[in-house]
Amino acid sequence: MARRNVVKVGDEILRKKCKPVVIFDEKLWQLLDDMKETMIAEMGVGLAAPQVGVMRRACVVSPDGETFYEFINPVIIKSSGNQLCEEGCLSVPGARGTVLRPQKIKFRYNDRKGDLYEMECSDFLANICCHEFDHLDGILFTDKIIKEQQD
């Protein structure tokens, strides 16, 4: 595993839509392992591939620093409820704000081997997933802020 550099706001890569992952091989596995190591080192709860300069639909998530998820080609198929979430982002250092997200989501995704799954989650995990899935479409949380945080 290797720690990768996190792309910062202002880099146009963060505004581009990622391509689907079609090859599930050692190169993808290395990317996922590196993203996990980078997320941990940066003390984040999620990291999407474009945040490390890779334009593929892949992200890693860990709501508690102990449980880790890898989502490849995620697609939300159902959402319900609303929650106000206080968010920040490794690619937007120093910025924080309140974003309206679904309370609960159901989505399909591939694992690192290409197998297809469905998952439901709510609350903080749903918040993190929505934030990371947005990155795959070139959307930053700052685009959705309804109230900026003041230090």
C-alpha atoms as a PDB file:
ATOM      1  CA  MET A   1       0.000   0.000   0.000  1.00  0.00           C
ATOM      2  CA  ALA A   2       1.042   3.567  -0.568  1.00  0.00           C
ATOM      3  CA  ARG A   3      -0.273   6.909   0.527  1.00  0.00           C
ATOM      4  CA  ARG A   4      -1.418   9.084  -2.373  1.00  0.00           C
ATOM      5  CA  ASN A   5      -1.645  12.847  -2.680  1.00  0.00           C
ATOM      6  CA  VAL A   6      -5.133  14.279  -2.164  1.00  0.00           C
ATOM      7  CA  VAL A   7      -6.266  16.569  -4.990  1.00  0.00           C
ATOM      8  CA  LYS A   8      -7.386  19.968  -3.694  1.00  0.00           C
ATOM      9  CA  VAL A   9     -10.219  22.277  -4.739  1.00  0.00           C
ATOM     10  CA  GLY A  10      -9.285  24.268  -7.830  1.00  0.00           C
ATOM     11  CA  ASP A  11      -8.007  21.202  -9.682  1.00  0.00           C
ATOM     12  CA  GLU A  12     -10.405  20.596 -12.589  1.00  0.00           C
ATOM     13  CA  ILE A  13     -10.327  16.826 -12.022  1.00  0.00           C
ATOM     14  CA  LEU A  14     -12.680  17.288  -9.048  1.00  0.00           C
ATOM     15  CA  ARG A  15     -15.337  18.697 -11.406  1.00  0.00           C
ATOM     16  CA  LYS A  16     -15.329  15.862 -13.940  1.00  0.00           C
ATOM     17  CA  LYS A  17     -17.651  12.866 -14.064  1.00  0.00           C
ATOM     18  CA  CYS A  18     -15.823   9.581 -13.514  1.00  0.00           C
ATOM     19  CA  LYS A  19     -15.951   6.601 -15.850  1.00  0.00           C
ATOM     20  CA  PRO A  20     -17.276   3.231 -14.663  1.00  0.00           C
ATOM     21  CA  VAL A  21     -14.830   0.581 -13.542  1.00  0.00           C
ATOM     22  CA  VAL A  22     -14.915  -2.289 -16.041  1.00  0.00           C
ATOM     23  CA  ILE A  23     -11.722  -4.156 -15.175  1.00  0.00           C
ATOM     24  CA  PHE A  24     -11.533  -5.635 -11.689  1.00  0.00           C
ATOM     25  CA  ASP A  25      -7.869  -6.541 -11.359  1.00  0.00           C
ATOM     26  CA  GLU A  26      -4.798  -6.063  -9.179  1.00  0.00           C
ATOM     27  CA  LYS A  27      -4.452  -2.457 -10.379  1.00  0.00           C
ATOM     28  CA  LEU A  28      -7.920  -1.655  -8.981  1.00  0.00           C
ATOM     29  CA  TRP A  29      -7.167  -3.510  -5.766  1.00  0.00           C
ATOM     30  CA  GLN A  30      -3.962  -1.493  -5.341  1.00  0.00           C
ATOM     31  CA  LEU A  31      -5.908   1.723  -5.893  1.00  0.00           C
ATOM     32  CA  LEU A  32      -8.461   0.733  -3.232  1.00  0.00           C
ATOM     33  CA  ASP A  33      -5.733  -0.250  -0.762  1.00  0.00           C
ATOM     34  CA  ASP A  34      -3.887   3.029  -1.394  1.00  0.00           C
ATOM     35  CA  MET A  35      -7.108   5.014  -0.986  1.00  0.00           C
ATOM     36  CA  LYS A  36      -7.792   3.317   2.339  1.00  0.00           C
ATOM     37  CA  GLU A  37      -4.275   4.076   3.582  1.00  0.00           C
ATOM     38  CA  THR A  38      -4.582   7.687   2.392  1.00  0.00           C
ATOM     39  CA  MET A  39      -7.996   8.139   4.035  1.00  0.00           C
ATOM     40  CA  ILE A  40      -6.662   6.825   7.346  1.00  0.00           C
ATOM     41  CA  ALA A  41      -3.520   8.981   7.179  1.00  0.00           C
ATOM     42  CA  GLU A  42      -5.608  12.083   6.414  1.00  0.00           C
ATOM     43  CA  MET A  43      -8.064  11.189   9.211  1.00  0.00           C
ATOM     44  CA  GLY A  44     -11.024  11.133   6.815  1.00  0.00           C
ATOM     45  CA  VAL A  45     -14.174   9.022   6.813  1.00  0.00           C
ATOM     46  CA  GLY A  46     -14.375   8.659   3.039  1.00  0.00           C
ATOM     47  CA  LEU A  47     -12.301   9.100  -0.088  1.00  0.00           C
ATOM     48  CA  ALA A  48     -13.290   8.926  -3.759  1.00  0.00           C
ATOM     49  CA  ALA A  49     -10.942   7.987  -6.607  1.00  0.00           C
ATOM     50  CA  PRO A  50     -10.951  11.448  -8.234  1.00  0.00           C
ATOM     51  CA  GLN A  51      -9.638  12.840  -4.945  1.00  0.00           C
ATOM     52  CA  VAL A  52      -6.417  10.938  -5.649  1.00  0.00           C
ATOM     53  CA  GLY A  53      -6.440  11.817  -9.349  1.00  0.00           C
ATOM     54  CA  VAL A  54      -8.076   8.668 -10.722  1.00  0.00           C
ATOM     55  CA  MET A  55     -11.192   9.195 -12.847  1.00  0.00           C
ATOM     56  CA  ARG A  56     -12.983   5.959 -11.975  1.00  0.00           C
ATOM     57  CA  ARG A  57     -16.212   5.340 -10.042  1.00  0.00           C
ATOM     58  CA  ALA A  58     -14.678   3.978  -6.849  1.00  0.00           C
ATOM     59  CA  CYS A  59     -14.641   5.103  -3.225  1.00  0.00           C
ATOM     60  CA  VAL A  60     -13.741   3.883   0.230  1.00  0.00           C
ATOM     61  CA  VAL A  61     -15.709   4.710   3.365  1.00  0.00           C
ATOM     62  CA  SER A  62     -15.191   4.197   7.090  1.00  0.00           C
ATOM     63  CA  PRO A  63     -17.685   5.784   9.485  1.00  0.00           C
ATOM     64  CA  ASP A  64     -15.791   4.707  12.610  1.00  0.00           C
ATOM     65  CA  GLY A  65     -12.183   3.986  11.614  1.00  0.00           C
ATOM     66  CA  GLU A  66     -12.739   0.260  12.180  1.00  0.00           C
ATOM     67  CA  THR A  67     -15.307  -0.789   9.573  1.00  0.00           C
ATOM     68  CA  PHE A  68     -14.251  -0.220   5.974  1.00  0.00           C
ATOM     69  CA  TYR A  69     -16.366  -0.328   2.832  1.00  0.00           C
ATOM     70  CA  GLU A  70     -15.343  -0.297  -0.820  1.00  0.00           C
ATOM     71  CA  PHE A  71     -17.943   0.805  -3.346  1.00  0.00           C
ATOM     72  CA  ILE A  72     -17.294   0.443  -7.064  1.00  0.00           C
ATOM     73  CA  ASN A  73     -19.771   1.908  -9.586  1.00  0.00           C
ATOM     74  CA  PRO A  74     -22.314   2.846  -6.877  1.00  0.00           C
ATOM     75  CA  VAL A  75     -25.818   3.841  -7.973  1.00  0.00           C
ATOM     76  CA  ILE A  76     -28.444   5.066  -5.518  1.00  0.00           C
ATOM     77  CA  ILE A  77     -31.731   3.349  -6.342  1.00  0.00           C
ATOM     78  CA  LYS A  78     -33.856   4.691  -3.497  1.00  0.00           C
ATOM     79  CA  SER A  79     -33.624   7.405  -0.878  1.00  0.00           C
ATOM     80  CA  SER A  80     -35.936   8.633   1.850  1.00  0.00           C
ATOM     81  CA  GLY A  81     -36.118  11.214   4.594  1.00  0.00           C
ATOM     82  CA  ASN A  82     -33.850  14.181   5.159  1.00  0.00           C
ATOM     83  CA  GLN A  83     -31.014  14.995   7.503  1.00  0.00           C
ATOM     84  CA  LEU A  84     -28.885  18.072   8.000  1.00  0.00           C
ATOM     85  CA  CYS A  85     -25.229  17.089   7.953  1.00  0.00           C
ATOM     86  CA  GLU A  86     -22.191  19.046   9.058  1.00  0.00           C
ATOM     87  CA  GLU A  87     -19.587  18.296   6.408  1.00  0.00           C
ATOM     88  CA  GLY A  88     -16.008  18.945   5.471  1.00  0.00           C
ATOM     89  CA  CYS A  89     -13.812  17.411   2.788  1.00  0.00           C
ATOM     90  CA  LEU A  90     -10.186  16.362   2.440  1.00  0.00           C
ATOM     91  CA  SER A  91     -10.148  18.096  -0.964  1.00  0.00           C
ATOM     92  CA  VAL A  92     -11.535  21.344   0.454  1.00  0.00           C
ATOM     93  CA  PRO A  93      -9.353  22.010   3.508  1.00  0.00           C
ATOM     94  CA  GLY A  94     -10.727  24.469   6.032  1.00  0.00           C
ATOM     95  CA  ALA A  95     -14.259  24.578   4.629  1.00  0.00           C
ATOM     96  CA  ARG A  96     -17.216  23.269   6.605  1.00  0.00           C
ATOM     97  CA  GLY A  97     -20.931  23.632   6.170  1.00  0.00           C
ATOM     98  CA  THR A  98     -24.398  22.200   6.598  1.00  0.00           C
ATOM     99  CA  VAL A  99     -25.709  20.075   3.737  1.00  0.00           C
ATOM    100  CA  LEU A 100     -29.150  18.495   3.297  1.00  0.00           C
ATOM    101  CA  ARG A 101     -28.796  14.750   2.594  1.00  0.00           C
ATOM    102  CA  PRO A 102     -31.165  11.773   2.539  1.00  0.00           C
ATOM    103  CA  GLN A 103     -31.686  10.068   5.902  1.00  0.00           C
ATOM    104  CA  LYS A 104     -31.665   6.626   4.280  1.00  0.00           C
ATOM    105  CA  ILE A 105     -30.395   5.295   0.958  1.00  0.00           C
ATOM    106  CA  LYS A 106     -30.419   2.020  -0.920  1.00  0.00           C
ATOM    107  CA  PHE A 107     -27.805   1.504  -3.605  1.00  0.00           C
ATOM    108  CA  ARG A 108     -26.162  -1.037  -5.892  1.00  0.00           C
ATOM    109  CA  TYR A 109     -22.414  -1.383  -6.184  1.00  0.00           C
ATOM    110  CA  ASN A 110     -19.666  -3.767  -7.210  1.00  0.00           C
ATOM    111  CA  ASP A 111     -17.039  -5.059  -4.824  1.00  0.00           C
ATOM    112  CA  ARG A 112     -13.359  -5.239  -5.756  1.00  0.00           C
ATOM    113  CA  LYS A 113     -13.918  -8.547  -7.560  1.00  0.00           C
ATOM    114  CA  GLY A 114     -16.799  -7.182  -9.643  1.00  0.00           C
ATOM    115  CA  ASP A 115     -19.607  -8.957  -7.787  1.00  0.00           C
ATOM    116  CA  LEU A 116     -22.822  -6.918  -7.614  1.00  0.00           C
ATOM    117  CA  TYR A 117     -24.481  -6.124  -4.273  1.00  0.00           C
ATOM    118  CA  GLU A 118     -27.225  -3.964  -2.803  1.00  0.00           C
ATOM    119  CA  MET A 119     -26.915  -2.141   0.487  1.00  0.00           C
ATOM    120  CA  GLU A 120     -29.131   0.024   2.652  1.00  0.00           C
ATOM    121  CA  CYS A 121     -27.771   2.508   5.154  1.00  0.00           C
ATOM    122  CA  SER A 122     -28.931   5.486   7.125  1.00  0.00           C
ATOM    123  CA  ASP A 123     -27.804   8.430   9.209  1.00  0.00           C
ATOM    124  CA  PHE A 124     -24.031   9.092   9.263  1.00  0.00           C
ATOM    125  CA  LEU A 125     -23.120   6.247   6.870  1.00  0.00           C
ATOM    126  CA  ALA A 126     -25.731   7.454   4.347  1.00  0.00           C
ATOM    127  CA  ASN A 127     -24.279  10.962   4.689  1.00  0.00           C
ATOM    128  CA  ILE A 128     -20.742   9.760   3.958  1.00  0.00           C
ATOM    129  CA  CYS A 129     -21.852   7.607   1.016  1.00  0.00           C
ATOM    130  CA  CYS A 130     -23.810  10.459  -0.584  1.00  0.00           C
ATOM    131  CA  HIS A 131     -20.830  12.800  -0.155  1.00  0.00           C
ATOM    132  CA  GLU A 132     -18.421  10.318  -1.769  1.00  0.00           C
ATOM    133  CA  PHE A 133     -20.838   9.303  -4.538  1.00  0.00           C
ATOM    134  CA  ASP A 134     -21.206  13.012  -5.417  1.00  0.00           C
ATOM    135  CA  HIS A 135     -17.435  13.184  -5.972  1.00  0.00           C
ATOM    136  CA  LEU A 136     -17.828  10.579  -8.720  1.00  0.00           C
ATOM    137  CA  ASP A 137     -20.053  13.036 -10.606  1.00  0.00           C
ATOM    138  CA  GLY A 138     -17.842  16.081 -10.060  1.00  0.00           C
ATOM    139  CA  ILE A 139     -20.010  17.506  -7.273  1.00  0.00           C
ATOM    140  CA  LEU A 140     -18.452  18.958  -4.130  1.00  0.00           C
ATOM    141  CA  PHE A 141     -20.225  19.399  -0.808  1.00  0.00           C
ATOM    142  CA  THR A 142     -19.615  23.148  -1.145  1.00  0.00           C
ATOM    143  CA  ASP A 143     -22.085  23.118  -4.062  1.00  0.00           C
ATOM    144  CA  LYS A 144     -24.786  22.004  -1.641  1.00  0.00           C
ATOM    145  CA  ILE A 145     -24.034  24.055   1.474  1.00  0.00           C
ATOM    146  CA  ILE A 146     -27.126  25.646   2.955  1.00  0.00           C
ATOM    147  CA  LYS A 147     -25.289  27.150   5.930  1.00  0.00           C
ATOM    148  CA  GLU A 148     -21.565  27.790   6.224  1.00  0.00           C
ATOM    149  CA  GLN A 149     -19.794  27.017   9.483  1.00  0.00           C
ATOM    150  CA  GLN A 150     -18.039  29.849  11.264  1.00  0.00           C
ATOM    151  CA  ASP A 151     -14.886  29.205  13.277  1.00  0.00           C
END
